[in-house]
Amino acid sequence: MKYLMNFSLVLLLILGIGCGKKVWPEPDAEEEKFSLHIEEVVLEDKCLYLTAEIRGNQRNLAGLVLELEKSEIPCPGCPFLVSESFAPALDSPEVHLQDCRIKIVYCFIDSRKYYRIRLTGRNVFPEIQDVRSNVIDVF
């Protein structure tokens, strides 16, 4: 009887440990983040050639959006207002990924306008916020 009682007590203890809140594991945001930094922008004819660096966990880059602000006059210190955006697939001909470099070609530039640009990157983990690069003036 004493043996049965000890066995029951151990069984209850094991079952009690197994119960509780079960949740899916969440990504460690600090390990899974990346950042974008535009290094060079070249304007030729109606095409913009952009080179950016991805810092951090680059394998988590799920998508990119090139954001453009087009205006009649230059306004380097103004808040960035998106007037056009271009979201190519990462495997499209306009995007070239090599190591930690991203090269994008965008050929819809109006040469009579002033532009400011930035990149927004989406992480494969939806819990991690999109990241934005620095803003570059293109005149």
C-alpha atoms as a PDB file:
ATOM      1  CA  MET A   1       0.000   0.000   0.000  1.00  0.00           C
ATOM      2  CA  LYS A   2       2.828   2.355   0.918  1.00  0.00           C
ATOM      3  CA  TYR A   3       4.532   1.522  -2.401  1.00  0.00           C
ATOM      4  CA  LEU A   4       1.300   2.296  -4.312  1.00  0.00           C
ATOM      5  CA  MET A   5       0.928   5.607  -2.492  1.00  0.00           C
ATOM      6  CA  ASN A   6       4.524   6.634  -3.299  1.00  0.00           C
ATOM      7  CA  PHE A   7       4.033   5.600  -6.918  1.00  0.00           C
ATOM      8  CA  SER A   8       0.808   7.679  -7.120  1.00  0.00           C
ATOM      9  CA  LEU A   9       2.557  10.665  -5.576  1.00  0.00           C
ATOM     10  CA  VAL A  10       5.437  10.461  -8.072  1.00  0.00           C
ATOM     11  CA  LEU A  11       2.983  10.049 -10.971  1.00  0.00           C
ATOM     12  CA  LEU A  12       1.018  13.126  -9.863  1.00  0.00           C
ATOM     13  CA  LEU A  13       4.249  15.113  -9.554  1.00  0.00           C
ATOM     14  CA  ILE A  14       5.332  14.149 -13.085  1.00  0.00           C
ATOM     15  CA  LEU A  15       1.926  14.978 -14.536  1.00  0.00           C
ATOM     16  CA  GLY A  16       1.885  18.281 -12.663  1.00  0.00           C
ATOM     17  CA  ILE A  17       5.238  19.289 -14.156  1.00  0.00           C
ATOM     18  CA  GLY A  18       4.044  18.455 -17.666  1.00  0.00           C
ATOM     19  CA  CYS A  19       0.977  20.681 -17.350  1.00  0.00           C
ATOM     20  CA  GLY A  20       1.141  24.392 -17.870  1.00  0.00           C
ATOM     21  CA  LYS A  21       1.143  27.017 -20.545  1.00  0.00           C
ATOM     22  CA  LYS A  22       2.534  25.823 -23.857  1.00  0.00           C
ATOM     23  CA  VAL A  23       3.583  28.493 -26.369  1.00  0.00           C
ATOM     24  CA  TRP A  24       5.420  28.510 -29.645  1.00  0.00           C
ATOM     25  CA  PRO A  25       8.989  29.680 -29.355  1.00  0.00           C
ATOM     26  CA  GLU A  26       9.540  33.308 -30.332  1.00  0.00           C
ATOM     27  CA  PRO A  27      12.569  34.583 -32.243  1.00  0.00           C
ATOM     28  CA  ASP A  28      15.252  36.403 -30.297  1.00  0.00           C
ATOM     29  CA  ALA A  29      14.783  39.849 -31.834  1.00  0.00           C
ATOM     30  CA  GLU A  30      18.359  40.973 -31.244  1.00  0.00           C
ATOM     31  CA  GLU A  31      19.782  37.949 -33.054  1.00  0.00           C
ATOM     32  CA  GLU A  32      17.299  38.071 -35.932  1.00  0.00           C
ATOM     33  CA  LYS A  33      17.417  41.799 -36.764  1.00  0.00           C
ATOM     34  CA  PHE A  34      19.223  43.473 -39.631  1.00  0.00           C
ATOM     35  CA  SER A  35      19.695  47.049 -40.768  1.00  0.00           C
ATOM     36  CA  LEU A  36      20.052  48.731 -44.156  1.00  0.00           C
ATOM     37  CA  HIS A  37      22.462  51.483 -45.116  1.00  0.00           C
ATOM     38  CA  ILE A  38      22.466  53.117 -48.571  1.00  0.00           C
ATOM     39  CA  GLU A  39      26.087  53.548 -49.622  1.00  0.00           C
ATOM     40  CA  GLU A  40      25.928  54.828 -53.185  1.00  0.00           C
ATOM     41  CA  VAL A  41      23.362  56.141 -55.640  1.00  0.00           C
ATOM     42  CA  VAL A  42      24.157  56.828 -59.269  1.00  0.00           C
ATOM     43  CA  LEU A  43      21.706  58.506 -61.631  1.00  0.00           C
ATOM     44  CA  GLU A  44      22.157  57.815 -65.357  1.00  0.00           C
ATOM     45  CA  ASP A  45      19.531  58.909 -67.856  1.00  0.00           C
ATOM     46  CA  LYS A  46      16.258  57.710 -66.321  1.00  0.00           C
ATOM     47  CA  CYS A  47      17.787  54.960 -64.202  1.00  0.00           C
ATOM     48  CA  LEU A  48      18.790  55.002 -60.587  1.00  0.00           C
ATOM     49  CA  TYR A  49      21.495  52.534 -59.505  1.00  0.00           C
ATOM     50  CA  LEU A  50      21.508  52.004 -55.764  1.00  0.00           C
ATOM     51  CA  THR A  51      24.006  50.076 -53.637  1.00  0.00           C
ATOM     52  CA  ALA A  52      23.198  49.345 -50.010  1.00  0.00           C
ATOM     53  CA  GLU A  53      24.726  47.307 -47.234  1.00  0.00           C
ATOM     54  CA  ILE A  54      22.743  44.936 -45.073  1.00  0.00           C
ATOM     55  CA  ARG A  55      24.141  44.641 -41.571  1.00  0.00           C
ATOM     56  CA  GLY A  56      23.186  41.976 -39.071  1.00  0.00           C
ATOM     57  CA  ASN A  57      21.259  38.817 -39.868  1.00  0.00           C
ATOM     58  CA  GLN A  58      20.944  39.259 -43.642  1.00  0.00           C
ATOM     59  CA  ARG A  59      19.417  35.820 -44.210  1.00  0.00           C
ATOM     60  CA  ASN A  60      16.236  37.143 -42.578  1.00  0.00           C
ATOM     61  CA  LEU A  61      15.591  39.673 -45.347  1.00  0.00           C
ATOM     62  CA  ALA A  62      12.175  38.739 -46.747  1.00  0.00           C
ATOM     63  CA  GLY A  63      11.525  41.752 -48.963  1.00  0.00           C
ATOM     64  CA  LEU A  64      12.571  45.246 -49.947  1.00  0.00           C
ATOM     65  CA  VAL A  65      10.753  48.422 -50.859  1.00  0.00           C
ATOM     66  CA  LEU A  66      12.519  51.320 -52.548  1.00  0.00           C
ATOM     67  CA  GLU A  67      10.693  54.455 -51.408  1.00  0.00           C
ATOM     68  CA  LEU A  68      11.031  57.663 -53.388  1.00  0.00           C
ATOM     69  CA  GLU A  69      10.039  61.217 -52.614  1.00  0.00           C
ATOM     70  CA  LYS A  70       9.677  63.262 -55.787  1.00  0.00           C
ATOM     71  CA  SER A  71       9.433  67.054 -55.670  1.00  0.00           C
ATOM     72  CA  GLU A  72       9.740  70.205 -57.742  1.00  0.00           C
ATOM     73  CA  ILE A  73      12.360  71.758 -55.453  1.00  0.00           C
ATOM     74  CA  PRO A  74      15.035  70.155 -53.253  1.00  0.00           C
ATOM     75  CA  CYS A  75      14.180  69.905 -49.568  1.00  0.00           C
ATOM     76  CA  PRO A  76      16.976  68.019 -47.778  1.00  0.00           C
ATOM     77  CA  GLY A  77      15.808  68.730 -44.211  1.00  0.00           C
ATOM     78  CA  CYS A  78      12.094  68.121 -44.737  1.00  0.00           C
ATOM     79  CA  PRO A  79      10.283  65.069 -43.362  1.00  0.00           C
ATOM     80  CA  PHE A  80      10.417  62.163 -45.818  1.00  0.00           C
ATOM     81  CA  LEU A  81       7.116  61.774 -47.711  1.00  0.00           C
ATOM     82  CA  VAL A  82       6.796  58.768 -49.999  1.00  0.00           C
ATOM     83  CA  SER A  83       5.392  59.665 -53.419  1.00  0.00           C
ATOM     84  CA  GLU A  84       6.441  56.465 -55.240  1.00  0.00           C
ATOM     85  CA  SER A  85       7.473  53.011 -54.162  1.00  0.00           C
ATOM     86  CA  PHE A  86       9.010  50.039 -55.911  1.00  0.00           C
ATOM     87  CA  ALA A  87       8.839  46.582 -54.322  1.00  0.00           C
ATOM     88  CA  PRO A  88      10.726  44.131 -56.517  1.00  0.00           C
ATOM     89  CA  ALA A  89      11.012  40.474 -55.619  1.00  0.00           C
ATOM     90  CA  LEU A  90      14.414  39.616 -54.202  1.00  0.00           C
ATOM     91  CA  ASP A  91      15.027  37.268 -57.127  1.00  0.00           C
ATOM     92  CA  SER A  92      13.966  39.789 -59.796  1.00  0.00           C
ATOM     93  CA  PRO A  93      16.435  41.120 -62.404  1.00  0.00           C
ATOM     94  CA  GLU A  94      16.330  44.575 -60.764  1.00  0.00           C
ATOM     95  CA  VAL A  95      17.800  43.243 -57.509  1.00  0.00           C
ATOM     96  CA  HIS A  96      21.212  41.704 -57.037  1.00  0.00           C
ATOM     97  CA  LEU A  97      22.190  40.300 -53.629  1.00  0.00           C
ATOM     98  CA  GLN A  98      25.823  39.452 -53.048  1.00  0.00           C
ATOM     99  CA  ASP A  99      27.163  38.798 -49.571  1.00  0.00           C
ATOM    100  CA  CYS A 100      26.098  41.834 -47.550  1.00  0.00           C
ATOM    101  CA  ARG A 101      25.482  44.105 -50.575  1.00  0.00           C
ATOM    102  CA  ILE A 102      22.199  44.859 -52.284  1.00  0.00           C
ATOM    103  CA  LYS A 103      22.100  46.486 -55.697  1.00  0.00           C
ATOM    104  CA  ILE A 104      18.840  47.791 -57.117  1.00  0.00           C
ATOM    105  CA  VAL A 105      18.106  49.300 -60.517  1.00  0.00           C
ATOM    106  CA  TYR A 106      15.049  51.535 -60.900  1.00  0.00           C
ATOM    107  CA  CYS A 107      14.456  53.042 -64.359  1.00  0.00           C
ATOM    108  CA  PHE A 108      11.443  55.314 -63.907  1.00  0.00           C
ATOM    109  CA  ILE A 109      13.143  58.552 -62.874  1.00  0.00           C
ATOM    110  CA  ASP A 110      11.838  61.901 -64.097  1.00  0.00           C
ATOM    111  CA  SER A 111      15.021  63.874 -64.755  1.00  0.00           C
ATOM    112  CA  ARG A 112      13.152  67.179 -64.240  1.00  0.00           C
ATOM    113  CA  LYS A 113      12.384  66.340 -60.572  1.00  0.00           C
ATOM    114  CA  TYR A 114      14.346  66.171 -57.358  1.00  0.00           C
ATOM    115  CA  TYR A 115      14.354  62.877 -55.465  1.00  0.00           C
ATOM    116  CA  ARG A 116      15.084  61.600 -51.999  1.00  0.00           C
ATOM    117  CA  ILE A 117      15.152  57.858 -51.464  1.00  0.00           C
ATOM    118  CA  ARG A 118      15.288  55.220 -48.745  1.00  0.00           C
ATOM    119  CA  LEU A 119      14.937  51.460 -48.452  1.00  0.00           C
ATOM    120  CA  THR A 120      12.577  49.551 -46.207  1.00  0.00           C
ATOM    121  CA  GLY A 121      13.335  45.925 -45.424  1.00  0.00           C
ATOM    122  CA  ARG A 122      10.879  43.310 -44.189  1.00  0.00           C
ATOM    123  CA  ASN A 123      12.047  40.552 -41.844  1.00  0.00           C
ATOM    124  CA  VAL A 124      11.020  36.903 -42.301  1.00  0.00           C
ATOM    125  CA  PHE A 125       9.720  37.086 -38.734  1.00  0.00           C
ATOM    126  CA  PRO A 126       6.539  39.196 -38.772  1.00  0.00           C
ATOM    127  CA  GLU A 127       7.014  39.990 -35.064  1.00  0.00           C
ATOM    128  CA  ILE A 128      10.106  42.032 -35.938  1.00  0.00           C
ATOM    129  CA  GLN A 129       9.384  45.506 -37.287  1.00  0.00           C
ATOM    130  CA  ASP A 130      10.389  46.648 -40.753  1.00  0.00           C
ATOM    131  CA  VAL A 131      13.670  48.553 -40.891  1.00  0.00           C
ATOM    132  CA  ARG A 132      14.374  51.743 -42.814  1.00  0.00           C
ATOM    133  CA  SER A 133      17.657  52.910 -44.240  1.00  0.00           C
ATOM    134  CA  ASN A 134      19.124  56.348 -44.243  1.00  0.00           C
ATOM    135  CA  VAL A 135      17.578  58.925 -46.610  1.00  0.00           C
ATOM    136  CA  ILE A 136      19.672  59.956 -49.607  1.00  0.00           C
ATOM    137  CA  ASP A 137      19.185  63.114 -51.700  1.00  0.00           C
ATOM    138  CA  VAL A 138      19.406  62.546 -55.452  1.00  0.00           C
ATOM    139  CA  PHE A 139      19.627  65.691 -57.609  1.00  0.00           C
END
